[in-house]
């Protein structure tokens, strides 16, 4: 009986640009839907064993079932992970060590925009607390697991250049909304840049990527709290210029499995970096300058979050 082939788009580009990951382990946060799910698909197509890190374990299991149906020969694991809680991050790492003591690719996709709660259980502003503090705390915890030729890939945003720190990175003046989201991605991009500059020899690579604009569950009613009318209308307009989550996953896959080097930043090549095939770009100047003048903003967030 002939095995049904996965319906992946951009197959020629994938074959030309991406490396085979047979025998390798890849972890994707936020893998149950949206771009994270498409990244997991892409890694499975490259023959990696894929660990799906999901806040909602039931949704993670449903995502695993869909992936197994498409890639019956691949191996998938599901582990619960809630980036808003430090205890959950620690539990996740402990479980990951048990099933995969060595990780070759770790892709940080999970994030929020207008979270339903404005404060995390650990007492931090929700958007920055999840997108920056939680992600950085997780990355610092899993670094010992990454292989020497491994990569830590961070999904940031084209609005990282618009982020501003008015007083301190963790100030609660903007707990949610566009300004908070931009700040969280500004801080995350700065963290990646700083880690790449400080990287020791033979350490894993640190690579950033952003997907442009795509319609994903990030702004669904299920995931978000109340949003102003101007925000809903603005995003509805932006969605007229979006590309599919599958195409938006390509910069991230290039960062994880393509010809990326330490400190690279992958993004769509089209107008305003909104859409198009992947291209290496520079970190925004505001991020570069902030890393030079305020390196303390981008340190291990576990040391700056409340105990």
Protein backbone atom coordinates (compact mmCIF):
# COMPACT_ATOMS: atom_id res chain seq x y z
CA UNK A 1 0.00 0.00 0.00
CA UNK A 2 1.40 3.36 -1.04
CA UNK A 3 1.91 5.83 1.81
CA UNK A 4 -0.06 9.03 1.46
CA UNK A 5 2.30 11.98 0.98
CA UNK A 6 1.91 15.13 3.11
CA UNK A 7 0.43 18.10 1.28
CA UNK A 8 3.26 20.53 1.91
CA UNK A 9 3.53 23.67 -0.18
CA UNK A 10 6.81 25.24 -1.33
CA UNK A 11 8.39 21.76 -1.52
CA UNK A 12 11.10 22.76 -4.00
CA UNK A 13 12.15 25.66 -1.79
CA UNK A 14 12.14 23.43 1.29
CA UNK A 15 14.32 20.80 -0.39
CA UNK A 16 16.76 23.42 -1.62
CA UNK A 17 17.04 25.44 1.60
CA UNK A 18 16.46 23.10 4.55
CA UNK A 19 18.60 20.34 6.06
CA UNK A 20 17.43 16.86 6.95
CA UNK A 21 16.93 16.33 10.69
CA UNK A 22 16.87 12.54 10.86
CA UNK A 23 17.81 11.39 14.34
CA UNK A 24 17.41 14.92 15.74
CA UNK A 25 14.99 16.21 18.38
CA UNK A 26 13.13 19.48 17.88
CA UNK A 27 10.88 21.28 20.37
CA UNK A 28 8.25 23.83 19.34
CA UNK A 29 6.34 25.94 21.85
CA UNK A 30 2.80 26.94 20.95
CA UNK A 31 2.71 24.00 18.56
CA UNK A 32 -0.98 23.16 18.75
CA UNK A 33 -2.07 25.84 16.29
CA UNK A 34 -1.15 28.70 13.98
CA UNK A 35 2.45 29.19 12.97
CA UNK A 36 3.73 26.88 15.71
CA UNK A 37 1.75 24.00 14.24
CA UNK A 38 3.10 24.74 10.76
CA UNK A 39 6.66 24.81 12.12
CA UNK A 40 6.04 21.42 13.73
CA UNK A 41 4.79 20.13 10.36
CA UNK A 42 7.89 21.44 8.62
CA UNK A 43 10.20 19.82 11.16
CA UNK A 44 8.35 16.51 10.89
CA UNK A 45 8.75 16.63 7.11
CA UNK A 46 12.49 16.90 7.73
CA UNK A 47 12.29 13.66 9.78
CA UNK A 48 12.86 15.20 13.22
CA UNK A 49 11.31 13.84 16.37
CA UNK A 50 9.07 16.75 17.38
CA UNK A 51 8.05 17.69 20.92
CA UNK A 52 4.89 19.82 21.01
CA UNK A 53 4.97 22.19 23.98
CA UNK A 54 1.43 23.45 24.54
CA UNK A 55 -0.36 25.36 27.27
CA UNK A 56 -3.53 23.32 26.67
CA UNK A 57 -2.50 19.66 26.75
CA UNK A 58 -5.78 18.48 25.19
CA UNK A 59 -5.23 20.77 22.20
CA UNK A 60 -1.69 19.46 22.00
CA UNK A 61 -2.98 15.91 21.79
CA UNK A 62 -5.39 16.87 19.01
CA UNK A 63 -2.52 18.52 17.15
CA UNK A 64 -0.44 15.36 17.59
CA UNK A 65 -3.29 13.26 16.15
CA UNK A 66 -3.45 15.49 13.06
CA UNK A 67 0.31 15.34 12.61
CA UNK A 68 0.40 11.58 13.02
CA UNK A 69 -2.24 11.21 10.35
CA UNK A 70 -0.07 13.24 7.98
CA UNK A 71 3.30 11.84 9.06
CA UNK A 72 2.63 8.26 10.25
CA UNK A 73 6.33 7.40 10.47
CA UNK A 74 7.26 10.41 12.59
CA UNK A 75 7.51 10.58 16.39
CA UNK A 76 5.63 13.24 18.31
CA UNK A 77 5.49 13.99 22.03
CA UNK A 78 3.23 16.42 23.86
CA UNK A 79 4.33 18.25 27.00
CA UNK A 80 2.30 20.90 28.88
CA UNK A 81 3.88 24.35 29.15
CA UNK A 82 2.41 27.58 30.49
CA UNK A 83 4.89 30.43 30.01
CA UNK A 84 2.95 32.64 32.42
CA UNK A 85 3.99 30.44 35.37
CA UNK A 86 7.61 29.86 36.34
CA UNK A 87 6.61 26.61 38.07
CA UNK A 88 5.20 25.31 34.78
CA UNK A 89 8.44 26.17 32.98
CA UNK A 90 10.43 24.22 35.56
CA UNK A 91 8.06 21.24 35.35
CA UNK A 92 8.27 21.27 31.57
CA UNK A 93 12.09 21.21 31.59
CA UNK A 94 12.11 18.33 34.09
CA UNK A 95 9.77 16.31 31.87
CA UNK A 96 11.71 17.18 28.73
CA UNK A 97 14.95 15.93 30.26
CA UNK A 98 13.30 12.57 30.92
CA UNK A 99 12.15 12.03 27.34
CA UNK A 100 14.87 13.92 25.43
CA UNK A 101 18.10 14.62 27.35
CA UNK A 102 19.54 16.15 24.18
CA UNK A 103 17.70 18.69 22.01
CA UNK A 104 18.93 19.88 18.62
CA UNK A 105 16.40 22.58 17.75
CA UNK A 106 14.33 24.60 20.19
CA UNK A 107 11.82 26.94 18.55
CA UNK A 108 10.15 29.52 20.78
CA UNK A 109 6.85 30.22 18.99
CA UNK A 110 4.38 30.67 21.85
CA UNK A 111 3.14 34.16 22.65
CA UNK A 112 0.15 36.39 23.38
CA UNK A 113 -1.13 39.73 22.12
CA UNK A 114 -4.26 40.80 24.05
CA UNK A 115 -4.24 38.20 26.85
CA UNK A 116 -7.46 37.60 28.74
CA UNK A 117 -5.68 38.30 32.02
CA UNK A 118 -3.51 41.40 32.34
CA UNK A 119 -1.27 39.91 35.05
CA UNK A 120 0.46 36.54 35.19
CA UNK A 121 0.10 34.23 38.23
CA UNK A 122 3.68 35.28 39.10
CA UNK A 123 2.60 38.92 39.31
CA UNK A 124 4.05 40.23 36.04
CA UNK A 125 2.38 42.27 33.28
CA UNK A 126 0.91 39.53 31.12
CA UNK A 127 2.23 40.29 27.65
CA UNK A 128 5.82 41.03 28.64
CA UNK A 129 5.65 38.37 31.33
CA UNK A 130 4.80 35.66 28.80
CA UNK A 131 6.46 36.79 25.57
CA UNK A 132 9.70 37.91 27.17
CA UNK A 133 10.15 36.77 30.78
CA UNK A 134 8.61 33.33 30.31
CA UNK A 135 10.37 32.70 27.01
CA UNK A 136 13.77 33.82 28.29
CA UNK A 137 13.41 31.84 31.53
CA UNK A 138 12.57 28.76 29.47
CA UNK A 139 15.49 29.27 27.13
CA UNK A 140 17.98 29.71 29.95
CA UNK A 141 16.69 26.52 31.53
CA UNK A 142 16.96 24.39 28.39
CA UNK A 143 20.36 25.66 27.22
CA UNK A 144 22.24 22.78 28.90
CA UNK A 145 20.12 20.36 26.85
CA UNK A 146 20.98 21.87 23.47
CA UNK A 147 23.58 20.03 21.42
CA UNK A 148 26.74 21.85 20.38
CA UNK A 149 25.45 22.23 16.84
CA UNK A 150 21.97 23.01 18.09
CA UNK A 151 19.95 26.16 17.60
CA UNK A 152 17.64 28.23 19.75
CA UNK A 153 15.19 30.03 17.46
CA UNK A 154 13.00 32.89 18.67
CA UNK A 155 9.88 34.11 16.91
CA UNK A 156 9.79 37.85 17.31
CA UNK A 157 7.77 40.39 15.30
CA UNK A 158 8.11 43.13 12.71
CA UNK A 159 6.89 45.54 15.42
CA UNK A 160 9.96 44.92 17.58
CA UNK A 161 11.39 48.18 16.25
CA UNK A 162 8.38 50.02 17.74
CA UNK A 163 8.88 48.72 21.28
CA UNK A 164 9.76 51.17 24.01
CA UNK A 165 10.93 50.81 27.61
CA UNK A 166 9.70 53.90 29.43
CA UNK A 167 11.08 53.08 32.88
CA UNK A 168 11.92 49.39 33.35
CA UNK A 169 11.26 46.38 31.10
CA UNK A 170 8.80 44.89 33.58
CA UNK A 171 6.84 48.05 34.40
CA UNK A 172 3.08 47.47 34.45
CA UNK A 173 2.20 50.69 32.62
CA UNK A 174 1.20 48.71 29.50
CA UNK A 175 0.04 45.23 30.56
CA UNK A 176 -1.58 44.39 27.21
CA UNK A 177 -2.31 45.73 23.75
CA UNK A 178 -0.11 46.89 20.90
CA UNK A 179 2.40 48.87 22.99
CA UNK A 180 2.92 45.95 25.38
CA UNK A 181 3.25 43.49 22.52
CA UNK A 182 5.78 45.70 20.73
CA UNK A 183 7.78 46.10 23.93
CA UNK A 184 7.79 42.35 24.56
CA UNK A 185 9.11 41.64 21.06
CA UNK A 186 11.62 44.49 21.29
CA UNK A 187 12.97 42.91 24.47
CA UNK A 188 12.96 39.43 22.96
CA UNK A 189 14.87 40.57 19.86
CA UNK A 190 17.36 42.32 22.12
CA UNK A 191 17.81 39.16 24.16
CA UNK A 192 18.56 37.13 21.01
CA UNK A 193 21.04 39.73 19.79
CA UNK A 194 22.80 39.91 23.15
CA UNK A 195 22.96 36.11 23.47
CA UNK A 196 24.44 35.86 19.98
CA UNK A 197 27.10 38.48 20.80
CA UNK A 198 27.97 36.84 24.13
CA UNK A 199 27.90 33.31 22.72
CA UNK A 200 30.81 31.10 23.75
CA UNK A 201 32.67 28.95 21.26
CA UNK A 202 30.94 25.63 20.54
CA UNK A 203 27.71 26.92 22.10
CA UNK A 204 24.36 26.58 20.27
CA UNK A 205 23.38 29.23 17.74
CA UNK A 206 20.94 31.98 18.64
CA UNK A 207 18.72 33.01 15.74
CA UNK A 208 15.68 35.30 15.43
CA UNK A 209 12.87 35.15 12.91
CA UNK A 210 9.57 36.87 12.34
CA UNK A 211 6.71 35.63 10.16
CA UNK A 212 5.43 38.94 8.80
CA UNK A 213 1.67 39.20 9.16
CA UNK A 214 -0.56 36.16 9.04
CA UNK A 215 -4.01 35.26 10.28
CA UNK A 216 -3.59 32.89 13.21
CA UNK A 217 -5.51 32.19 16.46
CA UNK A 218 -3.31 34.76 18.24
CA UNK A 219 -6.17 37.29 18.05
CA UNK A 220 -9.09 34.87 18.30
CA UNK A 221 -11.90 35.58 20.80
CA UNK A 222 -10.89 32.44 22.67
CA UNK A 223 -7.36 33.73 23.32
CA UNK A 224 -7.88 37.44 23.82
CA UNK A 225 -9.57 39.77 26.24
CA UNK A 226 -11.54 42.89 25.26
CA UNK A 227 -9.95 44.87 22.46
CA UNK A 228 -10.73 48.46 21.41
CA UNK A 229 -12.77 48.88 18.22
CA UNK A 230 -9.83 50.62 16.49
CA UNK A 231 -7.66 47.59 17.18
CA UNK A 232 -10.20 45.13 15.76
CA UNK A 233 -10.70 47.27 12.64
CA UNK A 234 -6.97 47.78 12.17
CA UNK A 235 -6.19 44.11 12.32
CA UNK A 236 -9.08 43.27 10.02
CA UNK A 237 -7.52 45.64 7.47
CA UNK A 238 -4.04 44.18 7.95
CA UNK A 239 -5.37 40.69 7.31
CA UNK A 240 -6.10 41.73 3.72
CA UNK A 241 -2.32 41.66 3.14
CA UNK A 242 -1.45 38.49 4.99
CA UNK A 243 -0.03 35.20 3.83
CA UNK A 244 -0.89 31.71 5.02
CA UNK A 245 0.50 30.36 8.31
CA UNK A 246 2.33 27.73 6.27
CA UNK A 247 4.20 30.33 4.24
CA UNK A 248 4.74 32.46 7.33
CA UNK A 249 6.45 29.51 8.99
CA UNK A 250 9.21 29.47 6.36
CA UNK A 251 11.45 32.16 7.95
CA UNK A 252 11.30 30.20 11.20
CA UNK A 253 12.14 26.94 9.48
CA UNK A 254 15.02 28.64 7.65
CA UNK A 255 16.27 29.87 11.03
CA UNK A 256 16.01 26.38 12.49
CA UNK A 257 17.17 24.22 9.59
CA UNK A 258 18.50 26.46 6.85
CA UNK A 259 21.77 28.22 6.17
CA UNK A 260 21.50 30.42 9.26
CA UNK A 261 24.41 31.58 11.36
CA UNK A 262 24.67 32.80 14.92
CA UNK A 263 22.95 36.18 15.30
CA UNK A 264 21.00 35.97 12.04
CA UNK A 265 17.50 37.40 11.72
CA UNK A 266 15.13 35.87 9.14
CA UNK A 267 12.02 37.63 7.86
CA UNK A 268 9.80 37.87 4.76
CA UNK A 269 11.47 39.74 1.91
CA UNK A 270 8.34 41.55 0.67
CA UNK A 271 7.07 45.11 1.19
CA UNK A 272 7.61 46.26 4.80
CA UNK A 273 8.57 42.63 5.63
CA UNK A 274 4.86 41.77 5.76
CA UNK A 275 4.91 38.88 3.31
CA UNK A 276 7.18 36.98 0.97
CA UNK A 277 9.83 34.28 1.08
CA UNK A 278 12.54 34.37 3.78
CA UNK A 279 15.48 36.73 3.72
CA UNK A 280 18.22 37.62 6.22
CA UNK A 281 17.74 41.12 7.60
CA UNK A 282 19.42 43.28 10.22
CA UNK A 283 18.18 43.71 13.74
CA UNK A 284 16.35 47.07 13.99
CA UNK A 285 18.57 49.94 15.04
CA UNK A 286 16.54 50.69 18.22
CA UNK A 287 17.19 47.11 19.35
CA UNK A 288 20.91 47.31 18.51
CA UNK A 289 21.31 50.60 20.36
CA UNK A 290 19.39 49.37 23.40
CA UNK A 291 21.60 46.29 23.69
CA UNK A 292 24.64 48.57 23.69
CA UNK A 293 23.31 51.13 26.16
CA UNK A 294 21.10 48.98 28.43
CA UNK A 295 22.42 45.41 28.33
CA UNK A 296 20.82 44.77 31.72
CA UNK A 297 17.37 44.90 30.10
CA UNK A 298 18.13 41.71 28.21
CA UNK A 299 19.64 39.58 30.97
CA UNK A 300 18.19 36.33 32.26
CA UNK A 301 14.64 37.38 33.11
CA UNK A 302 14.51 34.96 36.04
CA UNK A 303 16.82 37.34 37.90
CA UNK A 304 14.60 40.37 37.27
CA UNK A 305 11.18 38.83 37.95
CA UNK A 306 9.72 38.82 41.45
CA UNK A 307 10.35 35.86 43.74
